[in-house]
Amino acid sequence: MLMNIWVKDTASGHVHQVGTDPHDSLEMFHGVVHYVNMQCMEGTLGGGYEFVEAPDVDDYVSVTPDELMINRKLLHKDLQAKLEKADFLRNRRIDNDR
């Protein structure tokens, strides 16, 4: 069974399907599934987002499970590159301070 999961940003009111933004992530905490926006680290656990019923889907972009996996892989690849760059710059600064 394929499920479309939708969340609403409680601050802006923006509704989107989980997986259409590369920062989307579903995580399990204590046996409960929560949505997390990996960019701002807000989610359903902290109240920044809430799960909502699917709106009239003609007005929204929909994604396949394969696209969800690609988005997740791209997010992790981007995060890894940023961490490596930060580590490189930190080591370079330490070397320059010596």
N, C-alpha and C. Protein backbone atom coordinates (compact mmCIF):
# COMPACT_ATOMS: atom_id res chain seq x y z
N MET A 1 0.84 -1.17 0.00
CA MET A 1 0.00 0.00 0.00
C MET A 1 0.89 1.24 0.00
N LEU A 2 0.60 2.17 -0.86
CA LEU A 2 1.34 3.43 -0.96
C LEU A 2 0.59 4.50 -0.18
N MET A 3 1.32 5.21 0.66
CA MET A 3 0.69 6.27 1.46
C MET A 3 1.27 7.62 1.10
N ASN A 4 0.42 8.60 1.00
CA ASN A 4 0.85 9.99 0.87
C ASN A 4 0.71 10.62 2.24
N ILE A 5 1.82 11.16 2.75
CA ILE A 5 1.82 11.77 4.07
C ILE A 5 2.02 13.26 3.89
N TRP A 6 1.16 14.04 4.52
CA TRP A 6 1.18 15.49 4.38
C TRP A 6 1.42 16.14 5.73
N VAL A 7 2.18 17.24 5.72
CA VAL A 7 2.43 18.00 6.94
C VAL A 7 2.15 19.48 6.68
N LYS A 8 1.87 20.17 7.77
CA LYS A 8 1.60 21.61 7.71
C LYS A 8 2.58 22.32 8.63
N ASP A 9 3.25 23.35 8.10
CA ASP A 9 4.11 24.21 8.91
C ASP A 9 3.17 25.07 9.75
N THR A 10 3.22 24.93 11.06
CA THR A 10 2.27 25.64 11.92
C THR A 10 2.51 27.14 11.95
N ALA A 11 3.72 27.58 11.60
CA ALA A 11 4.00 29.02 11.59
C ALA A 11 3.48 29.68 10.32
N SER A 12 3.76 29.05 9.16
CA SER A 12 3.38 29.67 7.88
C SER A 12 2.06 29.15 7.32
N GLY A 13 1.63 27.98 7.78
CA GLY A 13 0.42 27.38 7.23
C GLY A 13 0.65 26.60 5.95
N HIS A 14 1.90 26.57 5.46
CA HIS A 14 2.23 25.86 4.22
C HIS A 14 2.06 24.36 4.40
N VAL A 15 1.36 23.73 3.46
CA VAL A 15 1.12 22.28 3.49
C VAL A 15 1.88 21.65 2.33
N HIS A 16 2.58 20.54 2.62
CA HIS A 16 3.24 19.82 1.53
C HIS A 16 3.31 18.34 1.83
N GLN A 17 3.50 17.56 0.75
CA GLN A 17 3.64 16.12 0.89
C GLN A 17 5.06 15.81 1.35
N VAL A 18 5.17 14.97 2.35
CA VAL A 18 6.49 14.58 2.85
C VAL A 18 7.26 13.91 1.71
N GLY A 19 8.48 14.40 1.48
CA GLY A 19 9.33 13.86 0.42
C GLY A 19 9.48 14.77 -0.77
N THR A 20 8.63 15.79 -0.87
CA THR A 20 8.76 16.72 -1.99
C THR A 20 9.80 17.78 -1.73
N ASP A 21 10.28 17.88 -0.51
CA ASP A 21 11.35 18.80 -0.13
C ASP A 21 12.54 17.94 0.30
N PRO A 22 13.75 18.24 -0.18
CA PRO A 22 14.89 17.39 0.17
C PRO A 22 15.23 17.39 1.65
N HIS A 23 14.66 18.30 2.43
CA HIS A 23 14.94 18.34 3.86
C HIS A 23 13.97 17.49 4.68
N ASP A 24 12.98 16.88 4.02
CA ASP A 24 11.98 16.07 4.71
C ASP A 24 12.57 14.77 5.23
N SER A 25 12.14 14.38 6.41
CA SER A 25 12.54 13.09 6.96
C SER A 25 11.44 12.59 7.90
N LEU A 26 11.20 11.30 7.85
CA LEU A 26 10.32 10.65 8.82
C LEU A 26 11.21 9.85 9.76
N GLU A 27 11.06 10.07 11.03
CA GLU A 27 11.89 9.42 12.05
C GLU A 27 10.98 8.75 13.07
N MET A 28 11.48 7.71 13.70
CA MET A 28 10.70 7.03 14.73
C MET A 28 11.34 7.29 16.09
N PHE A 29 10.54 7.82 17.01
CA PHE A 29 10.96 8.06 18.38
C PHE A 29 10.01 7.32 19.30
N HIS A 30 10.53 6.40 20.09
CA HIS A 30 9.74 5.64 21.06
C HIS A 30 8.53 4.98 20.40
N GLY A 31 8.73 4.43 19.20
CA GLY A 31 7.67 3.71 18.51
C GLY A 31 6.65 4.56 17.80
N VAL A 32 6.86 5.88 17.73
CA VAL A 32 5.93 6.79 17.07
C VAL A 32 6.65 7.48 15.92
N VAL A 33 6.01 7.52 14.74
CA VAL A 33 6.60 8.18 13.58
C VAL A 33 6.38 9.68 13.69
N HIS A 34 7.46 10.44 13.46
CA HIS A 34 7.41 11.90 13.49
C HIS A 34 8.03 12.44 12.21
N TYR A 35 7.54 13.58 11.77
CA TYR A 35 8.14 14.31 10.65
C TYR A 35 9.20 15.25 11.21
N VAL A 36 10.34 15.36 10.49
CA VAL A 36 11.39 16.30 10.86
C VAL A 36 11.86 17.02 9.60
N ASN A 37 11.92 18.35 9.65
CA ASN A 37 12.54 19.14 8.60
C ASN A 37 14.01 19.22 8.98
N MET A 38 14.88 18.53 8.23
CA MET A 38 16.29 18.41 8.59
C MET A 38 17.05 19.74 8.44
N GLN A 39 16.49 20.69 7.73
CA GLN A 39 17.16 21.99 7.57
C GLN A 39 17.05 22.82 8.84
N CYS A 40 15.86 22.87 9.42
CA CYS A 40 15.67 23.71 10.60
C CYS A 40 15.49 22.88 11.88
N MET A 41 15.46 21.55 11.73
CA MET A 41 15.28 20.62 12.85
C MET A 41 13.98 20.85 13.62
N GLU A 42 12.97 21.34 12.93
CA GLU A 42 11.62 21.45 13.49
C GLU A 42 10.83 20.24 13.02
N GLY A 43 9.80 19.89 13.76
CA GLY A 43 8.99 18.76 13.33
C GLY A 43 7.73 18.61 14.14
N THR A 44 7.09 17.46 13.95
CA THR A 44 5.84 17.20 14.65
C THR A 44 6.07 16.98 16.14
N LEU A 45 7.25 16.55 16.52
CA LEU A 45 7.54 16.32 17.93
C LEU A 45 7.58 17.63 18.72
N GLY A 46 8.13 18.69 18.12
CA GLY A 46 8.23 19.97 18.82
C GLY A 46 7.08 20.92 18.56
N GLY A 47 6.20 20.57 17.65
CA GLY A 47 5.04 21.41 17.38
C GLY A 47 5.20 22.37 16.22
N GLY A 48 6.35 22.37 15.56
CA GLY A 48 6.55 23.27 14.41
C GLY A 48 5.81 22.80 13.17
N TYR A 49 5.47 21.52 13.14
CA TYR A 49 4.72 20.92 12.04
C TYR A 49 3.66 20.01 12.62
N GLU A 50 2.63 19.74 11.82
CA GLU A 50 1.61 18.78 12.22
C GLU A 50 1.17 17.98 11.01
N PHE A 51 0.84 16.72 11.22
CA PHE A 51 0.31 15.89 10.14
C PHE A 51 -1.10 16.38 9.83
N VAL A 52 -1.43 16.42 8.54
CA VAL A 52 -2.75 16.87 8.11
C VAL A 52 -3.28 15.92 7.04
N GLU A 53 -4.58 15.98 6.81
CA GLU A 53 -5.19 15.20 5.74
C GLU A 53 -4.73 15.75 4.40
N ALA A 54 -4.69 14.88 3.40
CA ALA A 54 -4.28 15.30 2.07
C ALA A 54 -5.25 16.33 1.51
N PRO A 55 -4.72 17.43 1.00
CA PRO A 55 -5.59 18.43 0.36
C PRO A 55 -6.01 17.92 -1.02
N ASP A 56 -6.73 18.73 -1.75
CA ASP A 56 -7.07 18.40 -3.13
C ASP A 56 -5.76 18.25 -3.89
N VAL A 57 -5.38 17.01 -4.20
CA VAL A 57 -4.04 16.75 -4.74
C VAL A 57 -3.81 17.32 -6.13
N ASP A 58 -4.82 17.81 -6.80
CA ASP A 58 -4.60 18.42 -8.11
C ASP A 58 -3.76 19.68 -7.99
N ASP A 59 -3.74 20.30 -6.83
CA ASP A 59 -3.00 21.54 -6.63
C ASP A 59 -1.58 21.31 -6.11
N TYR A 60 -1.18 20.06 -5.89
CA TYR A 60 0.11 19.78 -5.27
C TYR A 60 0.91 18.79 -6.09
N VAL A 61 2.23 18.83 -5.91
CA VAL A 61 3.13 17.88 -6.55
C VAL A 61 3.11 16.59 -5.74
N SER A 62 3.11 15.47 -6.40
CA SER A 62 3.15 14.18 -5.73
C SER A 62 4.44 13.47 -6.12
N VAL A 63 4.96 12.63 -5.24
CA VAL A 63 6.22 11.92 -5.52
C VAL A 63 6.03 10.42 -5.32
N THR A 64 6.93 9.66 -5.94
CA THR A 64 6.93 8.21 -5.79
C THR A 64 7.89 7.82 -4.68
N PRO A 65 7.80 6.59 -4.18
CA PRO A 65 8.78 6.14 -3.17
C PRO A 65 10.22 6.24 -3.66
N ASP A 66 10.46 5.97 -4.95
CA ASP A 66 11.83 6.10 -5.48
C ASP A 66 12.32 7.54 -5.39
N GLU A 67 11.44 8.49 -5.70
CA GLU A 67 11.82 9.90 -5.59
C GLU A 67 12.09 10.30 -4.15
N LEU A 68 11.35 9.73 -3.22
CA LEU A 68 11.60 10.00 -1.80
C LEU A 68 13.00 9.52 -1.41
N MET A 69 13.39 8.34 -1.87
CA MET A 69 14.70 7.80 -1.55
C MET A 69 15.80 8.64 -2.19
N ILE A 70 15.60 9.09 -3.41
CA ILE A 70 16.59 9.95 -4.08
C ILE A 70 16.76 11.25 -3.30
N ASN A 71 15.65 11.87 -2.89
CA ASN A 71 15.72 13.11 -2.11
C ASN A 71 16.49 12.89 -0.82
N ARG A 72 16.24 11.79 -0.14
CA ARG A 72 16.93 11.50 1.12
C ARG A 72 18.43 11.31 0.88
N LYS A 73 18.78 10.58 -0.17
CA LYS A 73 20.21 10.36 -0.48
C LYS A 73 20.89 11.68 -0.82
N LEU A 74 20.22 12.54 -1.59
CA LEU A 74 20.81 13.83 -1.94
C LEU A 74 21.00 14.71 -0.72
N LEU A 75 20.04 14.68 0.20
CA LEU A 75 20.17 15.45 1.43
C LEU A 75 21.37 14.99 2.24
N HIS A 76 21.52 13.68 2.38
CA HIS A 76 22.64 13.15 3.15
C HIS A 76 23.97 13.45 2.47
N LYS A 77 24.00 13.37 1.14
CA LYS A 77 25.22 13.69 0.38
C LYS A 77 25.59 15.16 0.59
N ASP A 78 24.60 16.04 0.52
CA ASP A 78 24.83 17.48 0.72
C ASP A 78 25.32 17.76 2.13
N LEU A 79 24.70 17.13 3.12
CA LEU A 79 25.11 17.32 4.51
C LEU A 79 26.53 16.82 4.73
N GLN A 80 26.88 15.67 4.16
CA GLN A 80 28.23 15.12 4.31
C GLN A 80 29.26 16.08 3.70
N ALA A 81 28.96 16.64 2.54
CA ALA A 81 29.88 17.59 1.90
C ALA A 81 30.08 18.83 2.76
N LYS A 82 29.00 19.33 3.36
CA LYS A 82 29.11 20.51 4.22
C LYS A 82 29.93 20.21 5.47
N LEU A 83 29.74 19.02 6.05
CA LEU A 83 30.52 18.65 7.23
C LEU A 83 32.00 18.50 6.89
N GLU A 84 32.29 17.91 5.75
CA GLU A 84 33.69 17.75 5.33
C GLU A 84 34.33 19.11 5.08
N LYS A 85 33.59 20.03 4.46
CA LYS A 85 34.12 21.37 4.22
C LYS A 85 34.39 22.09 5.54
N ALA A 86 33.46 21.99 6.48
CA ALA A 86 33.64 22.63 7.78
C ALA A 86 34.85 22.05 8.50
N ASP A 87 35.04 20.74 8.42
CA ASP A 87 36.18 20.08 9.05
C ASP A 87 37.48 20.54 8.39
N PHE A 88 37.49 20.63 7.06
CA PHE A 88 38.67 21.10 6.34
C PHE A 88 39.03 22.53 6.75
N LEU A 89 38.03 23.40 6.80
CA LEU A 89 38.29 24.80 7.17
C LEU A 89 38.76 24.92 8.62
N ARG A 90 38.19 24.12 9.50
CA ARG A 90 38.61 24.13 10.89
C ARG A 90 40.07 23.68 11.02
N ASN A 91 40.44 22.61 10.31
CA ASN A 91 41.83 22.12 10.35
C ASN A 91 42.79 23.13 9.74
N ARG A 92 42.36 23.79 8.69
CA ARG A 92 43.20 24.81 8.04
C ARG A 92 43.45 25.98 8.99
N ARG A 93 42.39 26.39 9.71
CA ARG A 93 42.52 27.48 10.66
C ARG A 93 43.47 27.10 11.79
N ILE A 94 43.36 25.87 12.27
CA ILE A 94 44.26 25.40 13.33
C ILE A 94 45.70 25.40 12.84
N ASP A 95 45.93 24.94 11.61
CA ASP A 95 47.28 24.93 11.04
C ASP A 95 47.83 26.34 10.90
N ASN A 96 46.99 27.29 10.52
CA ASN A 96 47.43 28.68 10.35
C ASN A 96 47.74 29.34 11.69
N ASP A 97 47.08 28.89 12.75
CA ASP A 97 47.31 29.46 14.08
C ASP A 97 48.60 28.96 14.72
N ARG A 98 49.16 27.92 14.18
CA ARG A 98 50.39 27.34 14.77
C ARG A 98 51.60 28.13 14.41
